[in-house]
Amino acid sequence: MISARIKQAVRDVNDFPKPGIVFKDITPILKDPALCIEISKALADQLKGIEIDVVAGIESRGFLFGPSLAQLLNVPFVPVRKAGKLPYKTIQQSYDLEYGSAVIECHQDALLSGQRVLIHDDLLATGGTVVAASKLISQLEATVVAYSFIISLDFLNGRERLTPYTQKVFSLVSY
């Protein structure tokens, strides 16, 4: 079962990025190409029947599986990045997260009005980053139709923050 394989590969890092946080490190997954392929396919399988025009991946770990997921769905990939990283005109959204605050942005021409967007990231924690990405997508008059994560930290209740955008929140592993 894929959830067991993912849990076996994920490494817990205590006190990162600050004391009291137990960081779920997915980078050991990247050492296993077969598992990476299996994860991408499992993410795509969860989305069957949902009309998706674009996958938006959140920096940086959303870039690890987001492009392969977009390829499997045969749709474009749009990067949502930290402020100052994109070369063209951007729109921005600030947000709070469990260990600080930040700003994300995307190109102002990244999406067309009415496009149906899947937001992908490696992990759902409190949902702050994903809500900010959802607001960016709304600013471009596109619609969030689903969320996709490898891991969901259900005890942090991030899923509840996403329901104003869509009820379709998928993950392969929950803690």
C-alpha atoms as a PDB file:
ATOM      1  CA  MET A   1       0.000   0.000   0.000  1.00  0.00           C
ATOM      2  CA  ILE A   2       1.377   3.384  -1.008  1.00  0.00           C
ATOM      3  CA  SER A   3       0.581   5.139   2.281  1.00  0.00           C
ATOM      4  CA  ALA A   4       2.736   2.645   4.191  1.00  0.00           C
ATOM      5  CA  ARG A   5       5.603   3.056   1.708  1.00  0.00           C
ATOM      6  CA  ILE A   6       5.422   6.841   2.010  1.00  0.00           C
ATOM      7  CA  LYS A   7       5.328   6.731   5.811  1.00  0.00           C
ATOM      8  CA  GLN A   8       8.347   4.438   5.815  1.00  0.00           C
ATOM      9  CA  ALA A   9      10.291   6.841   3.580  1.00  0.00           C
ATOM     10  CA  VAL A  10       9.350  10.118   5.304  1.00  0.00           C
ATOM     11  CA  ARG A  11      11.868  11.319   7.861  1.00  0.00           C
ATOM     12  CA  ASP A  12      10.837  13.235  10.995  1.00  0.00           C
ATOM     13  CA  VAL A  13      13.180  16.109  11.820  1.00  0.00           C
ATOM     14  CA  ASN A  14      12.682  17.476  15.316  1.00  0.00           C
ATOM     15  CA  ASP A  15      12.910  21.204  16.052  1.00  0.00           C
ATOM     16  CA  PHE A  16      13.007  22.279  12.404  1.00  0.00           C
ATOM     17  CA  PRO A  17      12.665  25.042  11.341  1.00  0.00           C
ATOM     18  CA  LYS A  18      12.218  26.090  14.960  1.00  0.00           C
ATOM     19  CA  PRO A  19      11.952  24.384  18.364  1.00  0.00           C
ATOM     20  CA  GLY A  20       8.783  22.389  18.890  1.00  0.00           C
ATOM     21  CA  ILE A  21       8.136  21.664  15.192  1.00  0.00           C
ATOM     22  CA  VAL A  22       8.420  18.074  13.938  1.00  0.00           C
ATOM     23  CA  PHE A  23       9.149  18.540  10.232  1.00  0.00           C
ATOM     24  CA  LYS A  24       7.983  15.813   7.833  1.00  0.00           C
ATOM     25  CA  ASP A  25      10.875  15.562   5.372  1.00  0.00           C
ATOM     26  CA  ILE A  26       9.833  14.000   2.060  1.00  0.00           C
ATOM     27  CA  THR A  27      13.275  14.241   0.438  1.00  0.00           C
ATOM     28  CA  PRO A  28      14.109  10.571   1.208  1.00  0.00           C
ATOM     29  CA  ILE A  29      11.251   9.661  -1.155  1.00  0.00           C
ATOM     30  CA  LEU A  30      13.284  11.159  -3.991  1.00  0.00           C
ATOM     31  CA  LYS A  31      15.910   8.410  -3.603  1.00  0.00           C
ATOM     32  CA  ASP A  32      13.326   5.878  -4.811  1.00  0.00           C
ATOM     33  CA  PRO A  33      12.343   6.504  -8.464  1.00  0.00           C
ATOM     34  CA  ALA A  34       9.748   3.709  -8.434  1.00  0.00           C
ATOM     35  CA  LEU A  35       8.052   5.245  -5.387  1.00  0.00           C
ATOM     36  CA  CYS A  36       8.085   8.681  -7.053  1.00  0.00           C
ATOM     37  CA  ILE A  37       6.312   7.256 -10.105  1.00  0.00           C
ATOM     38  CA  GLU A  38       3.834   5.441  -7.879  1.00  0.00           C
ATOM     39  CA  ILE A  39       3.111   8.658  -5.929  1.00  0.00           C
ATOM     40  CA  SER A  40       2.509  10.667  -9.099  1.00  0.00           C
ATOM     41  CA  LYS A  41       0.122   8.022 -10.429  1.00  0.00           C
ATOM     42  CA  ALA A  42      -1.702   7.727  -7.098  1.00  0.00           C
ATOM     43  CA  LEU A  43      -2.142  11.517  -6.936  1.00  0.00           C
ATOM     44  CA  ALA A  44      -3.564  11.517 -10.484  1.00  0.00           C
ATOM     45  CA  ASP A  45      -5.858   8.560  -9.709  1.00  0.00           C
ATOM     46  CA  GLN A  46      -7.444  10.463  -6.807  1.00  0.00           C
ATOM     47  CA  LEU A  47      -8.484  13.197  -9.229  1.00  0.00           C
ATOM     48  CA  LYS A  48     -10.363  11.075 -11.753  1.00  0.00           C
ATOM     49  CA  GLY A  49     -13.626  12.674 -12.775  1.00  0.00           C
ATOM     50  CA  ILE A  50     -12.578  16.216 -11.771  1.00  0.00           C
ATOM     51  CA  GLU A  51     -12.174  18.651 -14.658  1.00  0.00           C
ATOM     52  CA  ILE A  52      -8.775  20.307 -14.227  1.00  0.00           C
ATOM     53  CA  ASP A  53      -7.262  22.830 -16.640  1.00  0.00           C
ATOM     54  CA  VAL A  54      -4.069  23.690 -14.728  1.00  0.00           C
ATOM     55  CA  VAL A  55      -1.958  22.360 -11.848  1.00  0.00           C
ATOM     56  CA  ALA A  56      -0.548  25.108  -9.610  1.00  0.00           C
ATOM     57  CA  GLY A  57       2.362  23.906  -7.481  1.00  0.00           C
ATOM     58  CA  ILE A  58       3.505  25.736  -4.373  1.00  0.00           C
ATOM     59  CA  GLU A  59       7.219  26.422  -3.847  1.00  0.00           C
ATOM     60  CA  SER A  60       9.252  24.540  -3.223  1.00  0.00           C
ATOM     61  CA  ARG A  61       8.195  20.992  -2.516  1.00  0.00           C
ATOM     62  CA  GLY A  62       5.056  21.394  -4.622  1.00  0.00           C
ATOM     63  CA  PHE A  63       7.494  21.538  -7.537  1.00  0.00           C
ATOM     64  CA  LEU A  64       8.710  17.989  -6.861  1.00  0.00           C
ATOM     65  CA  PHE A  65       5.518  16.186  -7.909  1.00  0.00           C
ATOM     66  CA  GLY A  66       3.402  19.012  -9.348  1.00  0.00           C
ATOM     67  CA  PRO A  67       4.958  18.965 -12.839  1.00  0.00           C
ATOM     68  CA  SER A  68       4.724  15.169 -13.171  1.00  0.00           C
ATOM     69  CA  LEU A  69       1.128  15.324 -11.926  1.00  0.00           C
ATOM     70  CA  ALA A  70       0.362  17.993 -14.549  1.00  0.00           C
ATOM     71  CA  GLN A  71       1.927  15.781 -17.220  1.00  0.00           C
ATOM     72  CA  LEU A  72      -0.170  12.789 -16.172  1.00  0.00           C
ATOM     73  CA  LEU A  73      -3.285  14.987 -16.280  1.00  0.00           C
ATOM     74  CA  ASN A  74      -2.116  16.474 -19.615  1.00  0.00           C
ATOM     75  CA  VAL A  75      -2.473  20.064 -18.378  1.00  0.00           C
ATOM     76  CA  PRO A  76      -0.056  22.979 -17.854  1.00  0.00           C
ATOM     77  CA  PHE A  77       1.886  23.551 -14.638  1.00  0.00           C
ATOM     78  CA  VAL A  78       1.967  26.979 -12.969  1.00  0.00           C
ATOM     79  CA  PRO A  79       4.534  27.735 -10.244  1.00  0.00           C
ATOM     80  CA  VAL A  80       3.431  29.647  -7.151  1.00  0.00           C
ATOM     81  CA  ARG A  81       6.649  31.044  -5.723  1.00  0.00           C
ATOM     82  CA  LYS A  82       8.059  33.011  -2.845  1.00  0.00           C
ATOM     83  CA  ALA A  83       8.170  36.761  -3.473  1.00  0.00           C
ATOM     84  CA  GLY A  84      10.933  38.013  -5.742  1.00  0.00           C
ATOM     85  CA  LYS A  85      11.601  34.705  -7.540  1.00  0.00           C
ATOM     86  CA  LEU A  86       9.526  35.161 -10.710  1.00  0.00           C
ATOM     87  CA  PRO A  87      10.930  37.260 -13.578  1.00  0.00           C
ATOM     88  CA  TYR A  88       7.740  38.747 -15.027  1.00  0.00           C
ATOM     89  CA  LYS A  89       4.912  40.903 -13.631  1.00  0.00           C
ATOM     90  CA  THR A  90       3.326  39.227 -10.612  1.00  0.00           C
ATOM     91  CA  ILE A  91       0.469  39.381  -8.160  1.00  0.00           C
ATOM     92  CA  GLN A  92       1.178  38.733  -4.488  1.00  0.00           C
ATOM     93  CA  GLN A  93      -0.517  37.369  -1.392  1.00  0.00           C
ATOM     94  CA  SER A  94       0.838  37.535   2.159  1.00  0.00           C
ATOM     95  CA  TYR A  95      -0.004  34.881   4.732  1.00  0.00           C
ATOM     96  CA  ASP A  96       0.853  33.510   8.157  1.00  0.00           C
ATOM     97  CA  LEU A  97       2.133  30.000   8.674  1.00  0.00           C
ATOM     98  CA  GLU A  98       2.862  27.858  11.703  1.00  0.00           C
ATOM     99  CA  TYR A  99       6.377  29.291  12.121  1.00  0.00           C
ATOM    100  CA  GLY A 100       6.271  32.840  10.733  1.00  0.00           C
ATOM    101  CA  SER A 101       4.857  34.807   7.814  1.00  0.00           C
ATOM    102  CA  ALA A 102       5.634  35.029   4.105  1.00  0.00           C
ATOM    103  CA  VAL A 103       4.523  36.299   0.702  1.00  0.00           C
ATOM    104  CA  ILE A 104       3.845  34.181  -2.365  1.00  0.00           C
ATOM    105  CA  GLU A 105       3.237  35.246  -5.927  1.00  0.00           C
ATOM    106  CA  CYS A 106       2.505  34.059  -9.436  1.00  0.00           C
ATOM    107  CA  HIS A 107       2.756  35.680 -12.833  1.00  0.00           C
ATOM    108  CA  GLN A 108      -0.173  37.939 -13.566  1.00  0.00           C
ATOM    109  CA  ASP A 109      -0.751  36.028 -16.827  1.00  0.00           C
ATOM    110  CA  ALA A 110      -0.367  32.543 -15.302  1.00  0.00           C
ATOM    111  CA  LEU A 111      -4.068  31.681 -15.564  1.00  0.00           C
ATOM    112  CA  LEU A 112      -7.018  32.561 -17.734  1.00  0.00           C
ATOM    113  CA  SER A 113     -10.337  33.665 -16.324  1.00  0.00           C
ATOM    114  CA  GLY A 114     -12.532  30.639 -15.644  1.00  0.00           C
ATOM    115  CA  GLN A 115      -9.764  28.042 -15.634  1.00  0.00           C
ATOM    116  CA  ARG A 116     -10.200  25.146 -13.203  1.00  0.00           C
ATOM    117  CA  VAL A 117      -7.118  24.820 -11.011  1.00  0.00           C
ATOM    118  CA  LEU A 118      -5.743  22.009  -8.891  1.00  0.00           C
ATOM    119  CA  ILE A 119      -3.413  23.296  -6.172  1.00  0.00           C
ATOM    120  CA  HIS A 120      -0.667  20.816  -5.287  1.00  0.00           C
ATOM    121  CA  ASP A 121       1.827  20.845  -2.433  1.00  0.00           C
ATOM    122  CA  ASP A 122       3.723  18.172  -0.587  1.00  0.00           C
ATOM    123  CA  LEU A 123       2.069  18.700   2.783  1.00  0.00           C
ATOM    124  CA  LEU A 124      -1.028  20.273   4.286  1.00  0.00           C
ATOM    125  CA  ALA A 125      -0.396  21.632   7.775  1.00  0.00           C
ATOM    126  CA  THR A 126      -2.369  24.666   8.974  1.00  0.00           C
ATOM    127  CA  GLY A 127      -3.375  25.585   5.421  1.00  0.00           C
ATOM    128  CA  GLY A 128      -1.979  29.137   5.449  1.00  0.00           C
ATOM    129  CA  THR A 129       0.149  28.782   2.331  1.00  0.00           C
ATOM    130  CA  VAL A 130      -2.578  26.953   0.437  1.00  0.00           C
ATOM    131  CA  VAL A 131      -5.228  29.534   1.334  1.00  0.00           C
ATOM    132  CA  ALA A 132      -2.851  32.256   0.090  1.00  0.00           C
ATOM    133  CA  ALA A 133      -2.389  30.343  -3.185  1.00  0.00           C
ATOM    134  CA  SER A 134      -6.183  30.010  -3.440  1.00  0.00           C
ATOM    135  CA  LYS A 135      -6.528  33.775  -3.058  1.00  0.00           C
ATOM    136  CA  LEU A 136      -3.968  34.309  -5.832  1.00  0.00           C
ATOM    137  CA  ILE A 137      -5.968  32.031  -8.112  1.00  0.00           C
ATOM    138  CA  SER A 138      -9.168  33.889  -7.255  1.00  0.00           C
ATOM    139  CA  GLN A 139      -7.472  37.216  -8.062  1.00  0.00           C
ATOM    140  CA  LEU A 140      -6.857  35.873 -11.575  1.00  0.00           C
ATOM    141  CA  GLU A 141     -10.563  34.931 -11.827  1.00  0.00           C
ATOM    142  CA  ALA A 142      -9.788  31.213 -11.974  1.00  0.00           C
ATOM    143  CA  THR A 143     -11.412  28.594  -9.733  1.00  0.00           C
ATOM    144  CA  VAL A 144      -9.836  26.132  -7.319  1.00  0.00           C
ATOM    145  CA  VAL A 145     -11.493  22.781  -8.064  1.00  0.00           C
ATOM    146  CA  ALA A 146      -9.324  20.530  -5.861  1.00  0.00           C
ATOM    147  CA  TYR A 147      -6.281  20.279  -3.618  1.00  0.00           C
ATOM    148  CA  SER A 148      -3.699  17.521  -3.745  1.00  0.00           C
ATOM    149  CA  PHE A 149      -1.105  16.672  -1.095  1.00  0.00           C
ATOM    150  CA  ILE A 150       1.210  13.785  -0.395  1.00  0.00           C
ATOM    151  CA  ILE A 151       0.784  14.277   3.368  1.00  0.00           C
ATOM    152  CA  SER A 152      -1.931  15.855   5.506  1.00  0.00           C
ATOM    153  CA  LEU A 153      -1.310  16.695   9.150  1.00  0.00           C
ATOM    154  CA  ASP A 154      -4.973  16.337  10.112  1.00  0.00           C
ATOM    155  CA  PHE A 155      -4.419  17.326  13.752  1.00  0.00           C
ATOM    156  CA  LEU A 156      -3.627  20.894  12.570  1.00  0.00           C
ATOM    157  CA  ASN A 157      -7.082  21.248  10.935  1.00  0.00           C
ATOM    158  CA  GLY A 158      -5.782  22.839   7.723  1.00  0.00           C
ATOM    159  CA  ARG A 159      -8.440  21.066   5.656  1.00  0.00           C
ATOM    160  CA  GLU A 160     -11.147  23.166   7.340  1.00  0.00           C
ATOM    161  CA  ARG A 161      -9.532  26.354   6.009  1.00  0.00           C
ATOM    162  CA  LEU A 162      -9.767  25.037   2.435  1.00  0.00           C
ATOM    163  CA  THR A 163     -13.471  24.191   2.366  1.00  0.00           C
ATOM    164  CA  PRO A 164     -14.592  27.729   1.377  1.00  0.00           C
ATOM    165  CA  TYR A 165     -12.821  27.071  -1.943  1.00  0.00           C
ATOM    166  CA  THR A 166     -13.719  23.395  -2.524  1.00  0.00           C
ATOM    167  CA  GLN A 167     -14.561  20.232  -0.590  1.00  0.00           C
ATOM    168  CA  LYS A 168     -12.192  18.198  -2.798  1.00  0.00           C
ATOM    169  CA  VAL A 169      -9.068  17.842  -0.646  1.00  0.00           C
ATOM    170  CA  PHE A 170      -6.935  14.775  -1.322  1.00  0.00           C
ATOM    171  CA  SER A 171      -3.843  13.339   0.340  1.00  0.00           C
ATOM    172  CA  LEU A 172      -2.063  10.004   0.180  1.00  0.00           C
ATOM    173  CA  VAL A 173      -1.042   9.918   3.867  1.00  0.00           C
ATOM    174  CA  SER A 174      -2.600  11.408   6.994  1.00  0.00           C
ATOM    175  CA  TYR A 175      -1.050  11.912  10.411  1.00  0.00           C
END
